N, C-alpha and C. Protein backbone atom coordinates (compact mmCIF):
# COMPACT_ATOMS: atom_id res chain seq x y z
N MET A 1 4.18 39.98 5.10
CA MET A 1 5.40 39.55 5.76
C MET A 1 5.78 38.18 5.21
N PRO A 2 7.04 37.98 4.82
CA PRO A 2 7.47 36.68 4.31
C PRO A 2 7.32 35.60 5.37
N ALA A 3 7.10 34.37 4.88
CA ALA A 3 6.89 33.25 5.80
C ALA A 3 8.05 33.09 6.77
N SER A 4 9.27 33.39 6.33
CA SER A 4 10.42 33.21 7.20
C SER A 4 10.42 34.19 8.36
N ASP A 5 9.70 35.33 8.22
CA ASP A 5 9.64 36.32 9.29
C ASP A 5 8.48 36.09 10.24
N SER A 6 7.54 35.20 9.92
CA SER A 6 6.32 35.07 10.71
C SER A 6 6.49 34.24 11.97
N GLY A 7 7.57 33.54 12.13
CA GLY A 7 7.78 32.74 13.33
C GLY A 7 9.09 32.00 13.25
N SER A 8 9.45 31.44 14.35
CA SER A 8 10.70 30.72 14.43
C SER A 8 10.58 29.35 13.78
N SER A 9 11.64 28.94 13.10
CA SER A 9 11.64 27.59 12.52
C SER A 9 11.65 26.56 13.63
N GLU A 10 12.09 26.94 14.82
CA GLU A 10 12.07 26.02 15.96
C GLU A 10 10.64 25.64 16.34
N ASP A 11 9.68 26.54 16.10
CA ASP A 11 8.28 26.27 16.41
C ASP A 11 7.75 25.09 15.61
N LEU A 12 8.27 24.90 14.41
CA LEU A 12 7.80 23.83 13.53
C LEU A 12 8.71 22.61 13.55
N GLN A 13 9.77 22.64 14.33
CA GLN A 13 10.72 21.53 14.37
C GLN A 13 10.05 20.19 14.66
N PRO A 14 9.07 20.10 15.60
CA PRO A 14 8.47 18.79 15.88
C PRO A 14 7.79 18.16 14.66
N ILE A 15 7.36 18.96 13.69
CA ILE A 15 6.67 18.39 12.53
C ILE A 15 7.63 17.55 11.68
N ALA A 16 8.91 17.82 11.75
CA ALA A 16 9.89 17.05 10.99
C ALA A 16 9.93 15.60 11.46
N GLY A 17 9.58 15.38 12.73
CA GLY A 17 9.62 14.03 13.28
C GLY A 17 8.30 13.29 13.22
N ILE A 18 7.29 13.89 12.61
CA ILE A 18 5.96 13.27 12.53
C ILE A 18 6.05 12.00 11.68
N ASP A 19 5.43 10.95 12.15
CA ASP A 19 5.40 9.67 11.44
C ASP A 19 4.52 9.81 10.20
N ARG A 20 5.14 9.84 9.05
CA ARG A 20 4.40 10.07 7.79
C ARG A 20 3.50 8.89 7.43
N LEU A 21 3.84 7.70 7.89
CA LEU A 21 3.00 6.55 7.64
C LEU A 21 1.64 6.73 8.32
N ILE A 22 1.66 7.21 9.55
CA ILE A 22 0.41 7.45 10.29
C ILE A 22 -0.28 8.71 9.79
N HIS A 23 0.48 9.70 9.37
CA HIS A 23 -0.08 11.02 9.01
C HIS A 23 -1.03 10.97 7.82
N GLU A 24 -0.92 9.98 6.97
CA GLU A 24 -1.83 9.86 5.82
C GLU A 24 -3.25 9.73 6.37
N PRO A 25 -4.22 10.52 5.88
CA PRO A 25 -5.56 10.57 6.50
C PRO A 25 -6.26 9.23 6.71
N ALA A 26 -6.23 8.34 5.74
CA ALA A 26 -6.93 7.06 5.91
C ALA A 26 -6.26 6.22 7.00
N ARG A 27 -4.93 6.20 7.00
CA ARG A 27 -4.23 5.43 8.02
C ARG A 27 -4.38 6.07 9.39
N LEU A 28 -4.45 7.38 9.43
CA LEU A 28 -4.69 8.08 10.70
C LEU A 28 -6.04 7.68 11.28
N MET A 29 -7.07 7.60 10.44
CA MET A 29 -8.40 7.16 10.90
C MET A 29 -8.34 5.73 11.44
N ILE A 30 -7.68 4.86 10.72
CA ILE A 30 -7.58 3.46 11.15
C ILE A 30 -6.88 3.38 12.50
N MET A 31 -5.75 4.06 12.62
CA MET A 31 -4.99 4.04 13.88
C MET A 31 -5.81 4.64 15.02
N ALA A 32 -6.53 5.72 14.76
CA ALA A 32 -7.32 6.37 15.81
C ALA A 32 -8.43 5.44 16.30
N TYR A 33 -9.13 4.78 15.40
CA TYR A 33 -10.18 3.85 15.82
C TYR A 33 -9.59 2.70 16.63
N LEU A 34 -8.49 2.14 16.15
CA LEU A 34 -7.90 1.00 16.85
C LEU A 34 -7.27 1.40 18.18
N TYR A 35 -6.91 2.67 18.32
CA TYR A 35 -6.32 3.15 19.56
C TYR A 35 -7.33 3.13 20.71
N VAL A 36 -8.60 3.36 20.38
CA VAL A 36 -9.61 3.45 21.44
C VAL A 36 -10.36 2.14 21.69
N VAL A 37 -10.14 1.13 20.87
CA VAL A 37 -10.78 -0.17 21.08
C VAL A 37 -9.69 -1.24 21.16
N GLU A 38 -9.99 -2.34 21.77
CA GLU A 38 -9.00 -3.41 21.86
C GLU A 38 -8.75 -4.04 20.50
N SER A 39 -9.82 -4.28 19.76
CA SER A 39 -9.72 -4.81 18.40
C SER A 39 -11.00 -4.47 17.66
N ALA A 40 -10.95 -4.58 16.34
CA ALA A 40 -12.12 -4.28 15.51
C ALA A 40 -12.09 -5.18 14.30
N ASN A 41 -13.27 -5.55 13.82
CA ASN A 41 -13.28 -6.36 12.61
C ASN A 41 -13.23 -5.46 11.37
N PHE A 42 -12.84 -6.07 10.28
CA PHE A 42 -12.61 -5.35 9.03
C PHE A 42 -13.85 -4.58 8.59
N LEU A 43 -15.02 -5.21 8.64
CA LEU A 43 -16.26 -4.55 8.19
C LEU A 43 -16.60 -3.35 9.06
N PHE A 44 -16.39 -3.45 10.37
CA PHE A 44 -16.63 -2.32 11.27
C PHE A 44 -15.74 -1.15 10.84
N LEU A 45 -14.45 -1.40 10.65
CA LEU A 45 -13.54 -0.33 10.25
C LEU A 45 -13.90 0.24 8.88
N MET A 46 -14.33 -0.62 7.98
CA MET A 46 -14.72 -0.15 6.66
C MET A 46 -15.90 0.82 6.77
N HIS A 47 -16.90 0.48 7.58
CA HIS A 47 -18.06 1.36 7.74
C HIS A 47 -17.70 2.63 8.50
N GLN A 48 -16.87 2.53 9.53
CA GLN A 48 -16.52 3.70 10.33
C GLN A 48 -15.67 4.69 9.56
N THR A 49 -14.77 4.19 8.73
CA THR A 49 -13.87 5.08 8.00
C THR A 49 -14.42 5.54 6.66
N GLY A 50 -15.39 4.81 6.12
CA GLY A 50 -15.92 5.15 4.81
C GLY A 50 -15.02 4.71 3.67
N LEU A 51 -14.00 3.91 3.98
CA LEU A 51 -13.10 3.42 2.95
C LEU A 51 -13.70 2.21 2.24
N THR A 52 -13.31 2.02 1.00
CA THR A 52 -13.72 0.80 0.29
C THR A 52 -12.91 -0.36 0.85
N ALA A 53 -13.35 -1.58 0.57
CA ALA A 53 -12.63 -2.77 1.04
C ALA A 53 -11.20 -2.77 0.51
N GLY A 54 -11.03 -2.41 -0.75
CA GLY A 54 -9.70 -2.39 -1.35
C GLY A 54 -8.78 -1.35 -0.72
N ASN A 55 -9.33 -0.14 -0.49
CA ASN A 55 -8.55 0.91 0.15
C ASN A 55 -8.16 0.53 1.56
N LEU A 56 -9.12 0.02 2.32
CA LEU A 56 -8.85 -0.37 3.70
C LEU A 56 -7.79 -1.47 3.73
N SER A 57 -7.92 -2.43 2.85
CA SER A 57 -6.96 -3.52 2.78
C SER A 57 -5.56 -3.00 2.47
N SER A 58 -5.45 -2.10 1.53
CA SER A 58 -4.17 -1.53 1.15
C SER A 58 -3.52 -0.80 2.33
N HIS A 59 -4.30 0.03 3.01
CA HIS A 59 -3.76 0.80 4.13
C HIS A 59 -3.42 -0.09 5.33
N THR A 60 -4.26 -1.08 5.60
CA THR A 60 -3.95 -1.96 6.72
C THR A 60 -2.71 -2.81 6.41
N SER A 61 -2.49 -3.15 5.16
CA SER A 61 -1.28 -3.89 4.78
C SER A 61 -0.03 -3.08 5.08
N LYS A 62 -0.08 -1.79 4.79
CA LYS A 62 1.07 -0.92 5.07
C LYS A 62 1.31 -0.80 6.57
N LEU A 63 0.24 -0.65 7.33
CA LEU A 63 0.37 -0.56 8.79
C LEU A 63 0.87 -1.88 9.38
N GLU A 64 0.42 -2.99 8.82
CA GLU A 64 0.87 -4.30 9.29
C GLU A 64 2.35 -4.50 8.97
N ALA A 65 2.77 -4.11 7.77
CA ALA A 65 4.17 -4.25 7.38
C ALA A 65 5.09 -3.43 8.28
N ALA A 66 4.58 -2.31 8.78
CA ALA A 66 5.36 -1.46 9.69
C ALA A 66 5.36 -1.99 11.12
N GLY A 67 4.54 -3.02 11.37
CA GLY A 67 4.46 -3.58 12.71
C GLY A 67 3.52 -2.82 13.64
N TYR A 68 2.68 -1.95 13.06
CA TYR A 68 1.77 -1.13 13.86
C TYR A 68 0.46 -1.84 14.19
N ILE A 69 0.02 -2.72 13.31
CA ILE A 69 -1.22 -3.45 13.58
C ILE A 69 -1.00 -4.94 13.36
N GLU A 70 -1.85 -5.71 14.01
CA GLU A 70 -1.87 -7.15 13.82
C GLU A 70 -3.18 -7.48 13.12
N VAL A 71 -3.10 -8.30 12.09
CA VAL A 71 -4.28 -8.72 11.34
C VAL A 71 -4.44 -10.22 11.54
N VAL A 72 -5.61 -10.62 12.06
CA VAL A 72 -5.90 -12.03 12.29
C VAL A 72 -7.05 -12.43 11.39
N LYS A 73 -6.78 -13.35 10.46
CA LYS A 73 -7.81 -13.82 9.52
C LYS A 73 -8.22 -15.23 9.93
N GLU A 74 -9.52 -15.44 10.00
CA GLU A 74 -10.05 -16.76 10.35
C GLU A 74 -11.39 -16.94 9.65
N PHE A 75 -11.96 -18.12 9.78
CA PHE A 75 -13.28 -18.38 9.23
C PHE A 75 -14.24 -18.60 10.38
N VAL A 76 -15.39 -17.93 10.32
CA VAL A 76 -16.45 -18.11 11.30
C VAL A 76 -17.68 -18.55 10.51
N ASP A 77 -18.17 -19.72 10.82
CA ASP A 77 -19.29 -20.29 10.06
C ASP A 77 -19.01 -20.28 8.56
N ARG A 78 -17.81 -20.68 8.21
CA ARG A 78 -17.37 -20.81 6.83
C ARG A 78 -17.28 -19.48 6.08
N LYS A 79 -17.31 -18.36 6.82
CA LYS A 79 -17.18 -17.04 6.21
C LYS A 79 -15.88 -16.41 6.72
N PRO A 80 -15.17 -15.71 5.84
CA PRO A 80 -13.93 -15.06 6.29
C PRO A 80 -14.23 -13.97 7.32
N HIS A 81 -13.40 -13.89 8.32
CA HIS A 81 -13.55 -12.91 9.39
C HIS A 81 -12.16 -12.36 9.69
N THR A 82 -11.99 -11.05 9.56
CA THR A 82 -10.69 -10.42 9.77
C THR A 82 -10.77 -9.46 10.94
N MET A 83 -9.91 -9.68 11.93
CA MET A 83 -9.83 -8.80 13.10
C MET A 83 -8.51 -8.04 13.04
N LEU A 84 -8.56 -6.79 13.47
CA LEU A 84 -7.37 -5.95 13.49
C LEU A 84 -7.21 -5.34 14.88
N ARG A 85 -5.95 -5.19 15.29
CA ARG A 85 -5.68 -4.50 16.56
C ARG A 85 -4.29 -3.89 16.50
N LEU A 86 -4.11 -2.85 17.30
CA LEU A 86 -2.79 -2.23 17.38
C LEU A 86 -1.83 -3.14 18.12
N THR A 87 -0.61 -3.17 17.68
CA THR A 87 0.45 -3.84 18.43
C THR A 87 0.96 -2.85 19.48
N GLY A 88 1.81 -3.32 20.36
CA GLY A 88 2.43 -2.41 21.32
C GLY A 88 3.19 -1.30 20.61
N ALA A 89 3.92 -1.67 19.56
CA ALA A 89 4.67 -0.67 18.78
C ALA A 89 3.72 0.32 18.11
N GLY A 90 2.57 -0.16 17.63
CA GLY A 90 1.59 0.72 17.00
C GLY A 90 0.97 1.69 17.99
N ARG A 91 0.69 1.19 19.19
CA ARG A 91 0.12 2.04 20.24
C ARG A 91 1.14 3.13 20.62
N ASP A 92 2.40 2.74 20.76
CA ASP A 92 3.45 3.72 21.08
C ASP A 92 3.62 4.73 19.96
N ALA A 93 3.63 4.25 18.71
CA ALA A 93 3.79 5.15 17.56
C ALA A 93 2.65 6.15 17.47
N PHE A 94 1.42 5.69 17.73
CA PHE A 94 0.28 6.60 17.66
C PHE A 94 0.35 7.63 18.79
N ARG A 95 0.75 7.20 19.97
CA ARG A 95 0.88 8.12 21.11
C ARG A 95 1.93 9.19 20.78
N GLU A 96 3.06 8.77 20.23
CA GLU A 96 4.11 9.73 19.85
C GLU A 96 3.62 10.67 18.74
N TYR A 97 2.86 10.14 17.79
CA TYR A 97 2.30 10.96 16.73
C TYR A 97 1.40 12.05 17.33
N ARG A 98 0.51 11.64 18.23
CA ARG A 98 -0.40 12.60 18.87
C ARG A 98 0.37 13.68 19.63
N GLU A 99 1.38 13.26 20.38
CA GLU A 99 2.16 14.23 21.15
C GLU A 99 2.89 15.20 20.22
N GLY A 100 3.44 14.70 19.13
CA GLY A 100 4.12 15.57 18.17
C GLY A 100 3.17 16.55 17.53
N MET A 101 1.98 16.09 17.15
CA MET A 101 1.00 17.00 16.54
C MET A 101 0.50 18.03 17.55
N MET A 102 0.36 17.63 18.79
CA MET A 102 -0.06 18.58 19.83
C MET A 102 1.00 19.66 20.03
N GLN A 103 2.28 19.29 19.92
CA GLN A 103 3.35 20.29 20.02
C GLN A 103 3.26 21.27 18.87
N VAL A 104 3.05 20.76 17.68
CA VAL A 104 2.99 21.62 16.50
C VAL A 104 1.75 22.51 16.53
N LEU A 105 0.60 21.94 16.86
CA LEU A 105 -0.66 22.68 16.76
C LEU A 105 -1.07 23.37 18.05
N GLY A 106 -0.48 23.01 19.15
CA GLY A 106 -0.90 23.56 20.44
C GLY A 106 -0.12 24.77 20.88
N GLY A 107 0.34 25.57 19.92
CA GLY A 107 1.11 26.76 20.26
C GLY A 107 0.33 27.73 21.13
N ASP A 108 1.05 28.49 21.91
CA ASP A 108 0.42 29.48 22.81
C ASP A 108 0.28 30.80 22.08
N ASP A 109 -0.83 30.95 21.35
CA ASP A 109 -1.08 32.20 20.60
C ASP A 109 -1.61 33.26 21.49
C-alpha cells in the first residue's frame, strides 16, 4: 500500500511544528538532562551525554543563542567552571517539544 494510503496526513501534522533545534539528538539529550535538574556543570553533562568537550560546547552554544539555556562561566580555585541551566523559554520549548512528540508518537493503534 502506498504511503499516502496508510494514514491521514492530519495524523502527522504535529511533526511539522516540532522544534528542529531541540530535535537534534545531542541537543535533545542536553535539554532533557537540564529539564530534570536545576543546573548542571559542563563536565557532568559531558559525561552523561558521552559528547566530546568540543561537541558539547558547539551544541550548547546553539541552545544558548536560541535563548534556551543560560551558560555561566566562572573560576573556582583558579580553574574554569561552567554551569548550564534551562531558561524559562528553554523549559517552555522543551515542554512543547515533548507534547508535540507525544501527539505524533502516541497514536491510538
